[in-house]
């Protein structure tokens, strides 16, 4: 019988790429950061380059020599790499499908649909992690690469956040629904208020971009539409702020459930 090959994880489901001499050196000087490899342009010179090479050797990190144009091409940021880049392992990031297979019990997730501003993505990752959500679904298409701008906006939380990757969000949500998740879509036309809903044990809350909202391929997968209460019609929140409201409501709901479960006495 033929052996069945195990699925190979997408390279960007394992590592986050950091560019620039100072960010790479700072990463090497933080022992809690697992650095997979450092890329250095063959023409890169100077004191910082010497420090980077020394720090990498001291930690046993592989140094990959590349032409300057190849280093710039690694993440298509020729003006930002300064001849140096590093792949930093993100242990909490991985394929959504594999995470669902190993999931036991309930989970509360956020999902970003066509949210294209790196700063917003970074803030959402930070907010979800701080509030203790179980993860953020980030498709590889339709959202920015989890690169320097996202990492900076997340204040470093991108390295800790549970980032669940899939190719297209519609595919990821379909997998989540098969695993028993209820999909809630946030919209100003939501039939129910976020403050009033009692989320299912396994829930995904989808946030679309501020201009177009949730996209057409994702709409049919939404089980229930929710709105965030506003003072007046026409008011709106940006995606990062909306995610904070969702996270707060979910945290408040969990706290309320724990409180109501305590015996009287």
Protein backbone atom coordinates (compact mmCIF):
# COMPACT_ATOMS: atom_id res chain seq x y z
CA UNK A 1 0.00 0.00 0.00
CA UNK A 2 1.17 3.51 -0.77
CA UNK A 3 2.13 5.70 2.15
CA UNK A 4 0.02 8.82 2.63
CA UNK A 5 2.10 11.96 2.93
CA UNK A 6 1.31 14.26 5.82
CA UNK A 7 0.24 17.75 4.77
CA UNK A 8 3.11 20.24 4.71
CA UNK A 9 2.50 23.47 6.62
CA UNK A 10 2.71 26.67 4.62
CA UNK A 11 6.07 28.41 5.37
CA UNK A 12 4.30 31.56 6.53
CA UNK A 13 2.33 29.50 9.06
CA UNK A 14 5.47 28.98 11.14
CA UNK A 15 7.60 32.11 11.11
CA UNK A 16 7.25 35.88 11.17
CA UNK A 17 9.86 37.84 9.23
CA UNK A 18 11.57 40.80 10.86
CA UNK A 19 13.54 43.31 8.78
CA UNK A 20 16.18 45.89 9.57
CA UNK A 21 19.39 45.83 11.55
CA UNK A 22 18.10 47.08 14.90
CA UNK A 23 14.95 44.85 14.99
CA UNK A 24 16.97 41.77 14.02
CA UNK A 25 19.67 42.48 16.62
CA UNK A 26 17.02 43.09 19.30
CA UNK A 27 15.39 39.77 18.43
CA UNK A 28 18.71 37.93 18.71
CA UNK A 29 19.36 39.54 22.09
CA UNK A 30 16.04 38.29 23.50
CA UNK A 31 16.56 34.64 24.50
CA UNK A 32 12.81 33.98 24.64
CA UNK A 33 12.56 34.65 20.89
CA UNK A 34 13.31 31.56 18.82
CA UNK A 35 15.11 32.71 15.67
CA UNK A 36 14.99 30.19 12.83
CA UNK A 37 17.55 31.91 10.59
CA UNK A 38 19.12 35.27 9.78
CA UNK A 39 19.53 36.54 6.22
CA UNK A 40 22.44 38.91 5.60
CA UNK A 41 23.28 40.58 2.30
CA UNK A 42 26.78 39.77 1.14
CA UNK A 43 27.56 43.49 0.71
CA UNK A 44 26.27 44.50 4.16
CA UNK A 45 28.97 46.09 6.30
CA UNK A 46 29.34 48.01 9.54
CA UNK A 47 29.33 47.65 13.30
CA UNK A 48 25.67 46.56 13.48
CA UNK A 49 26.29 43.79 10.96
CA UNK A 50 29.23 42.54 13.03
CA UNK A 51 27.04 42.53 16.16
CA UNK A 52 24.27 40.66 14.34
CA UNK A 53 26.69 38.02 13.09
CA UNK A 54 28.22 37.63 16.56
CA UNK A 55 24.83 37.39 18.27
CA UNK A 56 23.63 34.80 15.75
CA UNK A 57 26.76 32.69 16.18
CA UNK A 58 26.48 32.91 19.97
CA UNK A 59 22.95 31.49 19.80
CA UNK A 60 23.73 28.94 17.11
CA UNK A 61 21.36 30.61 14.64
CA UNK A 62 21.95 29.85 10.98
CA UNK A 63 23.27 32.82 8.97
CA UNK A 64 22.20 32.70 5.33
CA UNK A 65 24.29 34.82 2.97
CA UNK A 66 22.31 36.30 0.07
CA UNK A 67 22.70 38.96 -2.57
CA UNK A 68 21.23 42.31 -1.49
CA UNK A 69 18.41 42.06 -4.02
CA UNK A 70 17.53 38.58 -2.75
CA UNK A 71 17.29 39.78 0.85
CA UNK A 72 15.00 42.59 -0.30
CA UNK A 73 12.92 40.09 -2.26
CA UNK A 74 12.33 37.82 0.76
CA UNK A 75 9.44 39.99 1.83
CA UNK A 76 9.33 42.54 -0.98
CA UNK A 77 10.47 45.42 1.25
CA UNK A 78 13.63 46.76 -0.48
CA UNK A 79 13.62 50.06 1.45
CA UNK A 80 13.11 48.50 4.86
CA UNK A 81 15.37 45.46 5.09
CA UNK A 82 18.77 47.31 5.38
CA UNK A 83 20.41 44.15 4.08
CA UNK A 84 19.21 42.05 7.02
CA UNK A 85 16.13 39.95 7.77
CA UNK A 86 15.31 37.17 10.21
CA UNK A 87 12.67 34.47 10.45
CA UNK A 88 11.35 34.44 14.01
CA UNK A 89 9.40 31.40 15.12
CA UNK A 90 5.84 32.16 16.26
CA UNK A 91 4.90 29.08 18.31
CA UNK A 92 1.23 30.02 18.64
CA UNK A 93 0.75 30.48 14.88
CA UNK A 94 -0.30 27.62 12.65
CA UNK A 95 -2.87 26.20 10.23
CA UNK A 96 -6.51 26.55 11.32
CA UNK A 97 -7.34 23.08 10.07
CA UNK A 98 -4.75 21.39 12.28
CA UNK A 99 -5.82 23.46 15.31
CA UNK A 100 -9.46 22.48 14.81
CA UNK A 101 -8.54 18.81 14.67
CA UNK A 102 -6.90 19.01 18.09
CA UNK A 103 -9.51 21.24 19.74
CA UNK A 104 -11.36 19.97 22.79
CA UNK A 105 -14.18 21.95 24.37
CA UNK A 106 -15.29 25.44 23.49
CA UNK A 107 -13.43 28.34 21.91
CA UNK A 108 -14.07 31.96 21.01
CA UNK A 109 -12.36 33.30 17.89
CA UNK A 110 -12.17 36.48 15.85
CA UNK A 111 -11.87 36.35 12.06
CA UNK A 112 -10.76 39.19 9.78
CA UNK A 113 -12.37 39.50 6.37
CA UNK A 114 -10.57 41.76 3.87
CA UNK A 115 -9.12 43.97 6.61
CA UNK A 116 -6.27 45.53 4.66
CA UNK A 117 -4.66 48.03 7.07
CA UNK A 118 -1.63 46.49 8.83
CA UNK A 119 -2.11 48.73 11.87
CA UNK A 120 -5.63 47.44 12.41
CA UNK A 121 -4.54 43.82 12.06
CA UNK A 122 -1.79 44.35 14.64
CA UNK A 123 -4.16 46.03 17.09
CA UNK A 124 -6.70 43.21 16.71
CA UNK A 125 -4.01 40.62 17.47
CA UNK A 126 -2.98 42.56 20.56
CA UNK A 127 -6.55 43.04 21.77
CA UNK A 128 -7.56 39.41 21.26
CA UNK A 129 -4.47 38.19 23.12
CA UNK A 130 -4.86 40.61 26.03
CA UNK A 131 -8.51 39.67 26.51
CA UNK A 132 -7.75 35.96 26.36
CA UNK A 133 -9.60 34.97 23.21
CA UNK A 134 -8.63 31.60 21.81
CA UNK A 135 -7.37 32.90 18.49
CA UNK A 136 -7.70 35.08 15.41
CA UNK A 137 -8.36 33.56 11.99
CA UNK A 138 -6.17 35.34 9.44
CA UNK A 139 -6.49 34.12 5.85
CA UNK A 140 -3.40 34.38 3.68
CA UNK A 141 -5.44 36.25 1.08
CA UNK A 142 -7.33 39.44 1.85
CA UNK A 143 -5.31 40.60 4.85
CA UNK A 144 -1.77 42.02 5.05
CA UNK A 145 1.24 39.83 5.61
CA UNK A 146 2.08 39.50 9.29
CA UNK A 147 5.21 41.57 8.81
CA UNK A 148 6.94 44.56 10.39
CA UNK A 149 3.97 46.95 10.26
CA UNK A 150 1.60 44.41 11.82
CA UNK A 151 4.19 43.38 14.41
CA UNK A 152 4.87 47.01 15.37
CA UNK A 153 1.15 47.84 15.71
CA UNK A 154 0.66 44.75 17.87
CA UNK A 155 3.41 45.94 20.24
CA UNK A 156 5.04 42.54 19.82
CA UNK A 157 1.90 40.56 20.62
CA UNK A 158 2.00 39.09 17.09
CA UNK A 159 4.71 36.74 18.37
CA UNK A 160 2.38 35.49 21.14
CA UNK A 161 -1.03 35.66 19.49
CA UNK A 162 -2.84 32.50 18.44
CA UNK A 163 -2.89 33.20 14.70
CA UNK A 164 -4.87 30.60 12.77
CA UNK A 165 -4.05 30.57 9.06
CA UNK A 166 -6.13 29.44 6.11
CA UNK A 167 -5.98 30.18 2.39
CA UNK A 168 -9.35 31.94 2.00
CA UNK A 169 -11.55 33.03 4.90
CA UNK A 170 -14.59 31.31 3.37
CA UNK A 171 -12.69 28.01 3.38
CA UNK A 172 -11.57 28.52 6.98
CA UNK A 173 -15.06 29.35 8.19
CA UNK A 174 -16.44 26.29 6.40
CA UNK A 175 -13.93 24.14 8.28
CA UNK A 176 -14.87 25.85 11.55
CA UNK A 177 -18.58 25.24 10.96
CA UNK A 178 -17.87 21.55 10.32
CA UNK A 179 -16.10 21.54 13.70
CA UNK A 180 -19.26 22.85 15.39
CA UNK A 181 -18.60 26.59 15.38
CA UNK A 182 -21.35 29.16 15.06
CA UNK A 183 -20.36 32.07 12.82
CA UNK A 184 -21.46 35.56 13.92
CA UNK A 185 -21.11 38.44 11.50
CA UNK A 186 -20.68 42.01 12.80
CA UNK A 187 -22.70 44.54 10.80
CA UNK A 188 -24.56 47.78 11.42
CA UNK A 189 -27.57 45.96 9.99
CA UNK A 190 -27.30 43.13 12.49
CA UNK A 191 -30.59 41.63 13.61
CA UNK A 192 -29.45 41.22 17.24
CA UNK A 193 -27.31 43.30 19.57
CA UNK A 194 -23.88 42.03 20.53
CA UNK A 195 -24.68 42.99 24.12
CA UNK A 196 -27.72 40.70 24.19
CA UNK A 197 -26.56 37.58 22.40
CA UNK A 198 -25.52 34.45 24.30
CA UNK A 199 -22.72 33.06 22.09
CA UNK A 200 -22.43 29.36 21.44
CA UNK A 201 -19.67 27.42 23.17
CA UNK A 202 -17.76 27.42 19.89
CA UNK A 203 -18.09 30.82 18.24
CA UNK A 204 -16.37 32.84 15.53
CA UNK A 205 -16.96 36.60 15.27
CA UNK A 206 -16.23 37.94 11.78
CA UNK A 207 -15.15 41.56 11.25
CA UNK A 208 -15.12 43.00 7.73
CA UNK A 209 -13.40 46.13 6.50
CA UNK A 210 -14.79 49.55 7.33
CA UNK A 211 -15.86 50.43 3.78
CA UNK A 212 -17.45 47.27 2.41
CA UNK A 213 -18.10 45.17 5.49
CA UNK A 214 -18.15 41.39 5.19
CA UNK A 215 -17.47 40.12 1.67
CA UNK A 216 -19.88 38.23 -0.57
CA UNK A 217 -18.11 34.81 -0.32
CA UNK A 218 -18.28 34.97 3.49
CA UNK A 219 -21.87 36.24 3.87
CA UNK A 220 -23.60 32.87 3.25
CA UNK A 221 -21.53 31.29 6.02
CA UNK A 222 -22.81 33.71 8.69
CA UNK A 223 -25.30 32.04 11.05
CA UNK A 224 -26.35 35.21 12.88
CA UNK A 225 -25.78 38.92 12.25
CA UNK A 226 -24.94 41.11 15.22
CA UNK A 227 -24.63 44.86 15.65
CA UNK A 228 -22.75 46.94 18.19
CA UNK A 229 -25.16 49.40 19.86
CA UNK A 230 -24.46 53.00 18.80
CA UNK A 231 -25.74 56.31 20.11
CA UNK A 232 -27.28 57.24 16.76
CA UNK A 233 -27.73 55.93 13.23
CA UNK A 234 -24.68 56.45 11.06
CA UNK A 235 -22.18 56.20 13.91
CA UNK A 236 -19.38 53.70 13.38
CA UNK A 237 -16.21 52.28 14.88
CA UNK A 238 -13.01 51.31 13.16
CA UNK A 239 -12.13 47.63 13.05
CA UNK A 240 -9.59 47.73 15.87
CA UNK A 241 -12.06 49.46 18.20
CA UNK A 242 -14.90 47.15 17.18
CA UNK A 243 -12.73 44.13 17.97
CA UNK A 244 -12.04 45.55 21.44
CA UNK A 245 -15.79 45.89 22.06
CA UNK A 246 -16.39 42.30 20.94
CA UNK A 247 -13.56 41.00 23.12
CA UNK A 248 -14.82 42.95 26.12
CA UNK A 249 -18.35 41.61 25.71
CA UNK A 250 -17.07 38.05 25.46
CA UNK A 251 -14.88 38.50 28.52
CA UNK A 252 -17.73 40.11 30.44
CA UNK A 253 -20.02 37.23 29.46
CA UNK A 254 -17.55 34.66 30.70
CA UNK A 255 -17.09 36.52 33.97
CA UNK A 256 -20.85 36.69 34.38
CA UNK A 257 -21.19 32.97 33.75
CA UNK A 258 -18.56 32.20 36.40
CA UNK A 259 -20.20 34.54 38.86
CA UNK A 260 -23.68 33.08 38.37
CA UNK A 261 -22.30 29.57 38.82
CA UNK A 262 -21.08 30.27 42.36
CA UNK A 263 -23.22 28.70 45.12
CA UNK A 264 -24.95 31.03 47.50
CA UNK A 265 -23.97 30.95 51.12
